[in-house]
């Protein structure tokens, strides 16, 4: 199954939007590619980030029948976290999808 970047971005943005509603964050309630997921301006603490990752993994599994682990060793050891911004996370997921499809 071919999964596009736009489809991945839509799933991630929907999950971020839901998190924004839960935590009362205006930044997260209207997510885009530049929406921060880490740091002071993100409105996401470490527990919320873990919940977000689990939700994204679950939605990707439901919608695309593809089980991915987003917080794998490579992501966690990377000098630049793939969880910094929505767009960066989207690219990370797309890379995992492509690797899985090869």
PDB file of N, CA and C in Angstrom:
ATOM      1  N   UNK A   1       0.837  -1.182   0.000  1.00  0.00           N
ATOM      2  CA  UNK A   1       0.000   0.000   0.000  1.00  0.00           C
ATOM      3  C   UNK A   1       0.884   1.248   0.000  1.00  0.00           C
ATOM      4  N   UNK A   2       0.640   2.148  -0.889  1.00  0.00           N
ATOM      5  CA  UNK A   2       1.387   3.394  -0.961  1.00  0.00           C
ATOM      6  C   UNK A   2       0.747   4.411  -0.019  1.00  0.00           C
ATOM      7  N   UNK A   3       1.543   4.866   0.923  1.00  0.00           N
ATOM      8  CA  UNK A   3       1.081   5.876   1.873  1.00  0.00           C
ATOM      9  C   UNK A   3       1.828   7.165   1.559  1.00  0.00           C
ATOM     10  N   UNK A   4       1.079   8.231   1.362  1.00  0.00           N
ATOM     11  CA  UNK A   4       1.705   9.499   0.992  1.00  0.00           C
ATOM     12  C   UNK A   4       2.074  10.322   2.230  1.00  0.00           C
ATOM     13  N   UNK A   5       2.948  11.269   2.014  1.00  0.00           N
ATOM     14  CA  UNK A   5       3.341  12.180   3.085  1.00  0.00           C
ATOM     15  C   UNK A   5       2.122  12.959   3.578  1.00  0.00           C
ATOM     16  N   UNK A   6       1.246  13.336   2.664  1.00  0.00           N
ATOM     17  CA  UNK A   6       0.055  14.101   3.034  1.00  0.00           C
ATOM     18  C   UNK A   6      -0.863  13.284   3.956  1.00  0.00           C
ATOM     19  N   UNK A   7      -0.976  11.976   3.680  1.00  0.00           N
ATOM     20  CA  UNK A   7      -1.793  11.119   4.535  1.00  0.00           C
ATOM     21  C   UNK A   7      -1.191  11.012   5.933  1.00  0.00           C
ATOM     22  N   UNK A   8       0.119  10.870   5.995  1.00  0.00           N
ATOM     23  CA  UNK A   8       0.799  10.788   7.291  1.00  0.00           C
ATOM     24  C   UNK A   8       0.634  12.100   8.045  1.00  0.00           C
ATOM     25  N   UNK A   9       0.842  13.215   7.351  1.00  0.00           N
ATOM     26  CA  UNK A   9       0.694  14.531   7.975  1.00  0.00           C
ATOM     27  C   UNK A   9      -0.718  14.725   8.517  1.00  0.00           C
ATOM     28  N   UNK A  10      -1.722  14.279   7.786  1.00  0.00           N
ATOM     29  CA  UNK A  10      -3.115  14.418   8.232  1.00  0.00           C
ATOM     30  C   UNK A  10      -3.350  13.645   9.527  1.00  0.00           C
ATOM     31  N   UNK A  11      -2.804  12.435   9.619  1.00  0.00           N
ATOM     32  CA  UNK A  11      -2.961  11.628  10.839  1.00  0.00           C
ATOM     33  C   UNK A  11      -2.268  12.318  12.008  1.00  0.00           C
ATOM     34  N   UNK A  12      -1.028  12.755  11.792  1.00  0.00           N
ATOM     35  CA  UNK A  12      -0.275  13.396  12.864  1.00  0.00           C
ATOM     36  C   UNK A  12      -0.971  14.683  13.316  1.00  0.00           C
ATOM     37  N   UNK A  13      -1.404  15.499  12.378  1.00  0.00           N
ATOM     38  CA  UNK A  13      -2.082  16.749  12.740  1.00  0.00           C
ATOM     39  C   UNK A  13      -3.369  16.486  13.509  1.00  0.00           C
ATOM     40  N   UNK A  14      -4.107  15.464  13.127  1.00  0.00           N
ATOM     41  CA  UNK A  14      -5.336  15.141  13.844  1.00  0.00           C
ATOM     42  C   UNK A  14      -5.021  14.717  15.276  1.00  0.00           C
ATOM     43  N   UNK A  15      -3.986  13.914  15.456  1.00  0.00           N
ATOM     44  CA  UNK A  15      -3.595  13.484  16.800  1.00  0.00           C
ATOM     45  C   UNK A  15      -3.106  14.662  17.628  1.00  0.00           C
ATOM     46  N   UNK A  16      -2.329  15.553  17.028  1.00  0.00           N
ATOM     47  CA  UNK A  16      -1.842  16.740  17.732  1.00  0.00           C
ATOM     48  C   UNK A  16      -3.014  17.652  18.099  1.00  0.00           C
ATOM     49  N   UNK A  17      -3.950  17.813  17.183  1.00  0.00           N
ATOM     50  CA  UNK A  17      -5.135  18.643  17.443  1.00  0.00           C
ATOM     51  C   UNK A  17      -5.903  18.105  18.656  1.00  0.00           C
ATOM     52  N   UNK A  18      -6.088  16.802  18.699  1.00  0.00           N
ATOM     53  CA  UNK A  18      -6.797  16.196  19.834  1.00  0.00           C
ATOM     54  C   UNK A  18      -6.051  16.434  21.144  1.00  0.00           C
ATOM     55  N   UNK A  19      -4.722  16.287  21.089  1.00  0.00           N
ATOM     56  CA  UNK A  19      -3.920  16.544  22.278  1.00  0.00           C
ATOM     57  C   UNK A  19      -4.067  18.005  22.693  1.00  0.00           C
ATOM     58  N   UNK A  20      -4.044  18.907  21.731  1.00  0.00           N
ATOM     59  CA  UNK A  20      -4.207  20.330  22.023  1.00  0.00           C
ATOM     60  C   UNK A  20      -5.518  20.627  22.722  1.00  0.00           C
ATOM     61  N   UNK A  21      -6.570  19.958  22.296  1.00  0.00           N
ATOM     62  CA  UNK A  21      -7.877  20.129  22.944  1.00  0.00           C
ATOM     63  C   UNK A  21      -7.836  19.608  24.375  1.00  0.00           C
ATOM     64  N   UNK A  22      -7.166  18.465  24.566  1.00  0.00           N
ATOM     65  CA  UNK A  22      -7.077  17.868  25.909  1.00  0.00           C
ATOM     66  C   UNK A  22      -6.310  18.741  26.880  1.00  0.00           C
ATOM     67  N   UNK A  23      -5.197  19.300  26.425  1.00  0.00           N
ATOM     68  CA  UNK A  23      -4.339  20.080  27.323  1.00  0.00           C
ATOM     69  C   UNK A  23      -4.636  21.576  27.288  1.00  0.00           C
ATOM     70  N   UNK A  24      -5.569  21.991  26.431  1.00  0.00           N
ATOM     71  CA  UNK A  24      -5.949  23.394  26.349  1.00  0.00           C
ATOM     72  C   UNK A  24      -4.879  24.276  25.724  1.00  0.00           C
ATOM     73  N   UNK A  25      -4.210  23.758  24.701  1.00  0.00           N
ATOM     74  CA  UNK A  25      -3.155  24.515  24.037  1.00  0.00           C
ATOM     75  C   UNK A  25      -3.620  25.034  22.686  1.00  0.00           C
ATOM     76  N   UNK A  26      -3.610  26.357  22.529  1.00  0.00           N
ATOM     77  CA  UNK A  26      -3.985  26.958  21.250  1.00  0.00           C
ATOM     78  C   UNK A  26      -2.991  26.593  20.154  1.00  0.00           C
ATOM     79  N   UNK A  27      -1.716  26.486  20.495  1.00  0.00           N
ATOM     80  CA  UNK A  27      -0.673  26.138  19.521  1.00  0.00           C
ATOM     81  C   UNK A  27      -0.954  24.761  18.927  1.00  0.00           C
ATOM     82  N   UNK A  28      -1.287  23.810  19.787  1.00  0.00           N
ATOM     83  CA  UNK A  28      -1.531  22.441  19.333  1.00  0.00           C
ATOM     84  C   UNK A  28      -2.903  22.274  18.699  1.00  0.00           C
ATOM     85  N   UNK A  29      -3.831  23.129  19.049  1.00  0.00           N
ATOM     86  CA  UNK A  29      -5.195  23.001  18.528  1.00  0.00           C
ATOM     87  C   UNK A  29      -5.278  23.312  17.033  1.00  0.00           C
ATOM     88  N   UNK A  30      -4.270  24.028  16.516  1.00  0.00           N
ATOM     89  CA  UNK A  30      -4.216  24.360  15.084  1.00  0.00           C
ATOM     90  C   UNK A  30      -2.852  23.953  14.534  1.00  0.00           C
ATOM     91  N   UNK A  31      -2.573  22.650  14.477  1.00  0.00           N
ATOM     92  CA  UNK A  31      -1.227  22.209  14.101  1.00  0.00           C
ATOM     93  C   UNK A  31      -0.940  22.360  12.612  1.00  0.00           C
ATOM     94  N   UNK A  32       0.327  22.584  12.343  1.00  0.00           N
ATOM     95  CA  UNK A  32       0.845  22.627  10.982  1.00  0.00           C
ATOM     96  C   UNK A  32       2.246  22.056  11.001  1.00  0.00           C
ATOM     97  N   UNK A  33       2.910  22.087   9.886  1.00  0.00           N
ATOM     98  CA  UNK A  33       4.249  21.493   9.784  1.00  0.00           C
ATOM     99  C   UNK A  33       5.243  22.077  10.786  1.00  0.00           C
ATOM    100  N   UNK A  34       5.102  23.354  11.115  1.00  0.00           N
ATOM    101  CA  UNK A  34       6.048  24.012  12.013  1.00  0.00           C
ATOM    102  C   UNK A  34       5.648  23.958  13.483  1.00  0.00           C
ATOM    103  N   UNK A  35       4.557  23.288  13.804  1.00  0.00           N
ATOM    104  CA  UNK A  35       4.099  23.205  15.189  1.00  0.00           C
ATOM    105  C   UNK A  35       5.125  22.445  16.028  1.00  0.00           C
ATOM    106  N   UNK A  36       5.624  23.069  17.107  1.00  0.00           N
ATOM    107  CA  UNK A  36       6.610  22.396  17.958  1.00  0.00           C
ATOM    108  C   UNK A  36       5.969  21.318  18.824  1.00  0.00           C
ATOM    109  N   UNK A  37       6.694  20.211  18.972  1.00  0.00           N
ATOM    110  CA  UNK A  37       6.229  19.115  19.819  1.00  0.00           C
ATOM    111  C   UNK A  37       7.112  18.943  21.042  1.00  0.00           C
ATOM    112  N   UNK A  38       8.232  19.658  21.062  1.00  0.00           N
ATOM    113  CA  UNK A  38       9.157  19.615  22.193  1.00  0.00           C
ATOM    114  C   UNK A  38       9.599  21.035  22.516  1.00  0.00           C
ATOM    115  N   UNK A  39       9.971  21.238  23.759  1.00  0.00           N
ATOM    116  CA  UNK A  39      10.489  22.535  24.165  1.00  0.00           C
ATOM    117  C   UNK A  39       9.446  23.381  24.864  1.00  0.00           C
ATOM    118  N   UNK A  40       9.897  24.535  25.330  1.00  0.00           N
ATOM    119  CA  UNK A  40       9.051  25.437  26.107  1.00  0.00           C
ATOM    120  C   UNK A  40       7.799  25.886  25.376  1.00  0.00           C
ATOM    121  N   UNK A  41       7.916  26.155  24.101  1.00  0.00           N
ATOM    122  CA  UNK A  41       6.795  26.708  23.344  1.00  0.00           C
ATOM    123  C   UNK A  41       5.826  25.659  22.813  1.00  0.00           C
ATOM    124  N   UNK A  42       6.081  24.405  23.106  1.00  0.00           N
ATOM    125  CA  UNK A  42       5.255  23.355  22.517  1.00  0.00           C
ATOM    126  C   UNK A  42       3.954  23.109  23.266  1.00  0.00           C
ATOM    127  N   UNK A  43       3.962  23.275  24.559  1.00  0.00           N
ATOM    128  CA  UNK A  43       2.785  22.918  25.347  1.00  0.00           C
ATOM    129  C   UNK A  43       2.686  21.423  25.573  1.00  0.00           C
ATOM    130  N   UNK A  44       3.761  20.685  25.225  1.00  0.00           N
ATOM    131  CA  UNK A  44       3.779  19.227  25.358  1.00  0.00           C
ATOM    132  C   UNK A  44       4.838  18.845  26.380  1.00  0.00           C
ATOM    133  N   UNK A  45       4.410  18.187  27.463  1.00  0.00           N
ATOM    134  CA  UNK A  45       5.401  17.673  28.403  1.00  0.00           C
ATOM    135  C   UNK A  45       5.764  16.247  27.990  1.00  0.00           C
ATOM    136  N   UNK A  46       6.676  15.627  28.711  1.00  0.00           N
ATOM    137  CA  UNK A  46       7.175  14.315  28.301  1.00  0.00           C
ATOM    138  C   UNK A  46       6.080  13.248  28.312  1.00  0.00           C
ATOM    139  N   UNK A  47       5.178  13.307  29.250  1.00  0.00           N
ATOM    140  CA  UNK A  47       4.092  12.325  29.316  1.00  0.00           C
ATOM    141  C   UNK A  47       3.137  12.524  28.144  1.00  0.00           C
ATOM    142  N   UNK A  48       2.824  13.763  27.835  1.00  0.00           N
ATOM    143  CA  UNK A  48       1.945  14.042  26.693  1.00  0.00           C
ATOM    144  C   UNK A  48       2.605  13.618  25.388  1.00  0.00           C
ATOM    145  N   UNK A  49       3.923  13.794  25.276  1.00  0.00           N
ATOM    146  CA  UNK A  49       4.632  13.384  24.066  1.00  0.00           C
ATOM    147  C   UNK A  49       4.558  11.873  23.887  1.00  0.00           C
ATOM    148  N   UNK A  50       4.740  11.133  24.966  1.00  0.00           N
ATOM    149  CA  UNK A  50       4.630   9.670  24.894  1.00  0.00           C
ATOM    150  C   UNK A  50       3.213   9.270  24.478  1.00  0.00           C
ATOM    151  N   UNK A  51       2.221   9.908  25.055  1.00  0.00           N
ATOM    152  CA  UNK A  51       0.828   9.616  24.688  1.00  0.00           C
ATOM    153  C   UNK A  51       0.566   9.925  23.224  1.00  0.00           C
ATOM    154  N   UNK A  52       1.120  11.040  22.753  1.00  0.00           N
ATOM    155  CA  UNK A  52       0.962  11.426  21.351  1.00  0.00           C
ATOM    156  C   UNK A  52       1.594  10.386  20.432  1.00  0.00           C
ATOM    157  N   UNK A  53       2.784   9.937  20.759  1.00  0.00           N
ATOM    158  CA  UNK A  53       3.468   8.933  19.942  1.00  0.00           C
ATOM    159  C   UNK A  53       2.654   7.651  19.878  1.00  0.00           C
ATOM    160  N   UNK A  54       2.142   7.216  21.009  1.00  0.00           N
ATOM    161  CA  UNK A  54       1.321   5.998  21.051  1.00  0.00           C
ATOM    162  C   UNK A  54       0.060   6.183  20.214  1.00  0.00           C
ATOM    163  N   UNK A  55      -0.570   7.344  20.309  1.00  0.00           N
ATOM    164  CA  UNK A  55      -1.783   7.615  19.533  1.00  0.00           C
ATOM    165  C   UNK A  55      -1.493   7.607  18.035  1.00  0.00           C
ATOM    166  N   UNK A  56      -0.390   8.222  17.637  1.00  0.00           N
ATOM    167  CA  UNK A  56      -0.024   8.236  16.220  1.00  0.00           C
ATOM    168  C   UNK A  56       0.246   6.820  15.727  1.00  0.00           C
ATOM    169  N   UNK A  57       0.998   6.037  16.493  1.00  0.00           N
ATOM    170  CA  UNK A  57       1.262   4.644  16.117  1.00  0.00           C
ATOM    171  C   UNK A  57      -0.036   3.860  15.954  1.00  0.00           C
ATOM    172  N   UNK A  58      -0.954   4.059  16.876  1.00  0.00           N
ATOM    173  CA  UNK A  58      -2.244   3.366  16.837  1.00  0.00           C
ATOM    174  C   UNK A  58      -3.055   3.755  15.606  1.00  0.00           C
ATOM    175  N   UNK A  59      -3.118   5.043  15.327  1.00  0.00           N
ATOM    176  CA  UNK A  59      -3.875   5.523  14.157  1.00  0.00           C
ATOM    177  C   UNK A  59      -3.262   5.032  12.849  1.00  0.00           C
ATOM    178  N   UNK A  60      -1.940   5.036  12.754  1.00  0.00           N
ATOM    179  CA  UNK A  60      -1.279   4.529  11.550  1.00  0.00           C
ATOM    180  C   UNK A  60      -1.592   3.050  11.359  1.00  0.00           C
ATOM    181  N   UNK A  61      -1.621   2.313  12.440  1.00  0.00           N
ATOM    182  CA  UNK A  61      -1.951   0.900  12.377  1.00  0.00           C
ATOM    183  C   UNK A  61      -3.391   0.694  11.918  1.00  0.00           C
ATOM    184  N   UNK A  62      -4.312   1.459  12.483  1.00  0.00           N
ATOM    185  CA  UNK A  62      -5.729   1.346  12.122  1.00  0.00           C
ATOM    186  C   UNK A  62      -5.987   1.737  10.671  1.00  0.00           C
ATOM    187  N   UNK A  63      -5.449   2.865  10.263  1.00  0.00           N
ATOM    188  CA  UNK A  63      -5.765   3.410   8.944  1.00  0.00           C
ATOM    189  C   UNK A  63      -4.992   2.771   7.805  1.00  0.00           C
ATOM    190  N   UNK A  64      -3.756   2.346   8.085  1.00  0.00           N
ATOM    191  CA  UNK A  64      -2.909   1.856   7.003  1.00  0.00           C
ATOM    192  C   UNK A  64      -2.435   0.416   7.201  1.00  0.00           C
ATOM    193  N   UNK A  65      -2.909  -0.198   8.291  1.00  0.00           N
ATOM    194  CA  UNK A  65      -2.534  -1.576   8.600  1.00  0.00           C
ATOM    195  C   UNK A  65      -1.023  -1.758   8.575  1.00  0.00           C
ATOM    196  N   UNK A  66      -0.345  -0.812   9.211  1.00  0.00           N
ATOM    197  CA  UNK A  66       1.106  -0.860   9.283  1.00  0.00           C
ATOM    198  C   UNK A  66       1.518  -0.548  10.721  1.00  0.00           C
ATOM    199  N   UNK A  67       2.162  -1.515  11.340  1.00  0.00           N
ATOM    200  CA  UNK A  67       2.617  -1.327  12.707  1.00  0.00           C
ATOM    201  C   UNK A  67       4.034  -0.766  12.692  1.00  0.00           C
ATOM    202  N   UNK A  68       4.167   0.443  13.190  1.00  0.00           N
ATOM    203  CA  UNK A  68       5.458   1.115  13.250  1.00  0.00           C
ATOM    204  C   UNK A  68       5.771   1.475  14.693  1.00  0.00           C
ATOM    205  N   UNK A  69       7.049   1.469  15.019  1.00  0.00           N
ATOM    206  CA  UNK A  69       7.517   1.946  16.315  1.00  0.00           C
ATOM    207  C   UNK A  69       8.247   3.253  16.046  1.00  0.00           C
ATOM    208  N   UNK A  70       7.635   4.353  16.444  1.00  0.00           N
ATOM    209  CA  UNK A  70       8.196   5.662  16.138  1.00  0.00           C
ATOM    210  C   UNK A  70       9.364   6.030  17.038  1.00  0.00           C
ATOM    211  N   UNK A  71       9.323   5.594  18.278  1.00  0.00           N
ATOM    212  CA  UNK A  71      10.386   5.914  19.230  1.00  0.00           C
ATOM    213  C   UNK A  71      11.351   4.740  19.325  1.00  0.00           C
ATOM    214  N   UNK A  72      11.934   4.371  18.200  1.00  0.00           N
ATOM    215  CA  UNK A  72      12.896   3.260  18.183  1.00  0.00           C
ATOM    216  C   UNK A  72      14.277   3.748  18.607  1.00  0.00           C
ATOM    217  N   UNK A  73      15.234   2.825  18.669  1.00  0.00           N
ATOM    218  CA  UNK A  73      16.590   3.178  19.098  1.00  0.00           C
ATOM    219  C   UNK A  73      17.197   4.284  18.250  1.00  0.00           C
ATOM    220  N   UNK A  74      16.971   4.211  16.958  1.00  0.00           N
ATOM    221  CA  UNK A  74      17.529   5.216  16.056  1.00  0.00           C
ATOM    222  C   UNK A  74      16.968   6.603  16.368  1.00  0.00           C
ATOM    223  N   UNK A  75      15.666   6.690  16.584  1.00  0.00           N
ATOM    224  CA  UNK A  75      15.049   7.988  16.885  1.00  0.00           C
ATOM    225  C   UNK A  75      15.526   8.520  18.232  1.00  0.00           C
ATOM    226  N   UNK A  76      15.648   7.643  19.196  1.00  0.00           N
ATOM    227  CA  UNK A  76      16.018   8.080  20.538  1.00  0.00           C
ATOM    228  C   UNK A  76      17.498   8.451  20.639  1.00  0.00           C
ATOM    229  N   UNK A  77      18.330   7.891  19.781  1.00  0.00           N
ATOM    230  CA  UNK A  77      19.761   8.184  19.837  1.00  0.00           C
ATOM    231  C   UNK A  77      20.175   9.269  18.846  1.00  0.00           C
ATOM    232  N   UNK A  78      19.247   9.721  18.052  1.00  0.00           N
ATOM    233  CA  UNK A  78      19.549  10.743  17.056  1.00  0.00           C
ATOM    234  C   UNK A  78      19.960  12.046  17.731  1.00  0.00           C
ATOM    235  N   UNK A  79      20.950  12.704  17.150  1.00  0.00           N
ATOM    236  CA  UNK A  79      21.403  13.985  17.691  1.00  0.00           C
ATOM    237  C   UNK A  79      20.297  15.038  17.591  1.00  0.00           C
ATOM    238  N   UNK A  80      19.454  14.908  16.577  1.00  0.00           N
ATOM    239  CA  UNK A  80      18.328  15.832  16.393  1.00  0.00           C
ATOM    240  C   UNK A  80      17.041  15.010  16.396  1.00  0.00           C
ATOM    241  N   UNK A  81      16.279  15.157  17.436  1.00  0.00           N
ATOM    242  CA  UNK A  81      15.078  14.354  17.628  1.00  0.00           C
ATOM    243  C   UNK A  81      14.062  14.524  16.500  1.00  0.00           C
ATOM    244  N   UNK A  82      13.484  13.419  16.031  1.00  0.00           N
ATOM    245  CA  UNK A  82      12.424  13.516  15.024  1.00  0.00           C
ATOM    246  C   UNK A  82      11.104  14.015  15.612  1.00  0.00           C
ATOM    247  N   UNK A  83      11.078  14.252  16.910  1.00  0.00           N
ATOM    248  CA  UNK A  83       9.851  14.693  17.573  1.00  0.00           C
ATOM    249  C   UNK A  83       9.843  16.199  17.845  1.00  0.00           C
ATOM    250  N   UNK A  84      10.752  16.948  17.209  1.00  0.00           N
ATOM    251  CA  UNK A  84      10.849  18.388  17.454  1.00  0.00           C
ATOM    252  C   UNK A  84       9.640  19.149  16.916  1.00  0.00           C
ATOM    253  N   UNK A  85       9.227  18.831  15.705  1.00  0.00           N
ATOM    254  CA  UNK A  85       8.126  19.543  15.041  1.00  0.00           C
ATOM    255  C   UNK A  85       7.282  18.554  14.242  1.00  0.00           C
ATOM    256  N   UNK A  86       6.072  18.940  13.944  1.00  0.00           N
ATOM    257  CA  UNK A  86       5.139  18.088  13.199  1.00  0.00           C
ATOM    258  C   UNK A  86       5.726  17.667  11.847  1.00  0.00           C
ATOM    259  N   UNK A  87       6.287  18.595  11.095  1.00  0.00           N
ATOM    260  CA  UNK A  87       6.838  18.283   9.777  1.00  0.00           C
ATOM    261  C   UNK A  87       8.002  17.315   9.847  1.00  0.00           C
ATOM    262  N   UNK A  88       8.863  17.491  10.851  1.00  0.00           N
ATOM    263  CA  UNK A  88      10.007  16.602  11.024  1.00  0.00           C
ATOM    264  C   UNK A  88       9.522  15.208  11.392  1.00  0.00           C
ATOM    265  N   UNK A  89       8.521  15.116  12.252  1.00  0.00           N
ATOM    266  CA  UNK A  89       7.948  13.825  12.613  1.00  0.00           C
ATOM    267  C   UNK A  89       7.304  13.160  11.400  1.00  0.00           C
ATOM    268  N   UNK A  90       6.639  13.942  10.587  1.00  0.00           N
ATOM    269  CA  UNK A  90       6.022  13.417   9.360  1.00  0.00           C
ATOM    270  C   UNK A  90       7.092  12.799   8.460  1.00  0.00           C
ATOM    271  N   UNK A  91       8.198  13.482   8.287  1.00  0.00           N
ATOM    272  CA  UNK A  91       9.284  12.957   7.459  1.00  0.00           C
ATOM    273  C   UNK A  91       9.872  11.678   8.064  1.00  0.00           C
ATOM    274  N   UNK A  92       9.983  11.639   9.380  1.00  0.00           N
ATOM    275  CA  UNK A  92      10.487  10.445  10.067  1.00  0.00           C
ATOM    276  C   UNK A  92       9.560   9.250   9.817  1.00  0.00           C
ATOM    277  N   UNK A  93       8.272   9.472   9.969  1.00  0.00           N
ATOM    278  CA  UNK A  93       7.304   8.390   9.738  1.00  0.00           C
ATOM    279  C   UNK A  93       7.354   7.940   8.280  1.00  0.00           C
ATOM    280  N   UNK A  94       7.434   8.878   7.358  1.00  0.00           N
ATOM    281  CA  UNK A  94       7.512   8.531   5.943  1.00  0.00           C
ATOM    282  C   UNK A  94       8.750   7.674   5.668  1.00  0.00           C
ATOM    283  N   UNK A  95       9.864   8.014   6.270  1.00  0.00           N
ATOM    284  CA  UNK A  95      11.081   7.220   6.107  1.00  0.00           C
ATOM    285  C   UNK A  95      10.879   5.797   6.630  1.00  0.00           C
ATOM    286  N   UNK A  96      10.240   5.660   7.797  1.00  0.00           N
ATOM    287  CA  UNK A  96       9.968   4.330   8.343  1.00  0.00           C
ATOM    288  C   UNK A  96       9.045   3.527   7.433  1.00  0.00           C
ATOM    289  N   UNK A  97       8.035   4.188   6.881  1.00  0.00           N
ATOM    290  CA  UNK A  97       7.101   3.529   5.963  1.00  0.00           C
ATOM    291  C   UNK A  97       7.846   3.034   4.726  1.00  0.00           C
ATOM    292  N   UNK A  98       8.688   3.873   4.180  1.00  0.00           N
ATOM    293  CA  UNK A  98       9.449   3.489   2.975  1.00  0.00           C
ATOM    294  C   UNK A  98      10.392   2.324   3.261  1.00  0.00           C
ATOM    295  N   UNK A  99      11.052   2.347   4.409  1.00  0.00           N
ATOM    296  CA  UNK A  99      11.936   1.238   4.782  1.00  0.00           C
ATOM    297  C   UNK A  99      11.143  -0.054   4.917  1.00  0.00           C
ATOM    298  N   UNK A 100       9.975   0.047   5.457  1.00  0.00           N
ATOM    299  CA  UNK A 100       9.114  -1.125   5.670  1.00  0.00           C
ATOM    300  C   UNK A 100       8.638  -1.696   4.349  1.00  0.00           C
ATOM    301  N   UNK A 101       8.453  -0.827   3.358  1.00  0.00           N
ATOM    302  CA  UNK A 101       7.930  -1.244   2.070  1.00  0.00           C
ATOM    303  C   UNK A 101       8.989  -1.870   1.159  1.00  0.00           C
ATOM    304  N   UNK A 102      10.248  -1.668   1.488  1.00  0.00           N
ATOM    305  CA  UNK A 102      11.319  -2.182   0.612  1.00  0.00           C
ATOM    306  C   UNK A 102      11.465  -3.682   0.722  1.00  0.00           C
TER     307      UNK A 102
END
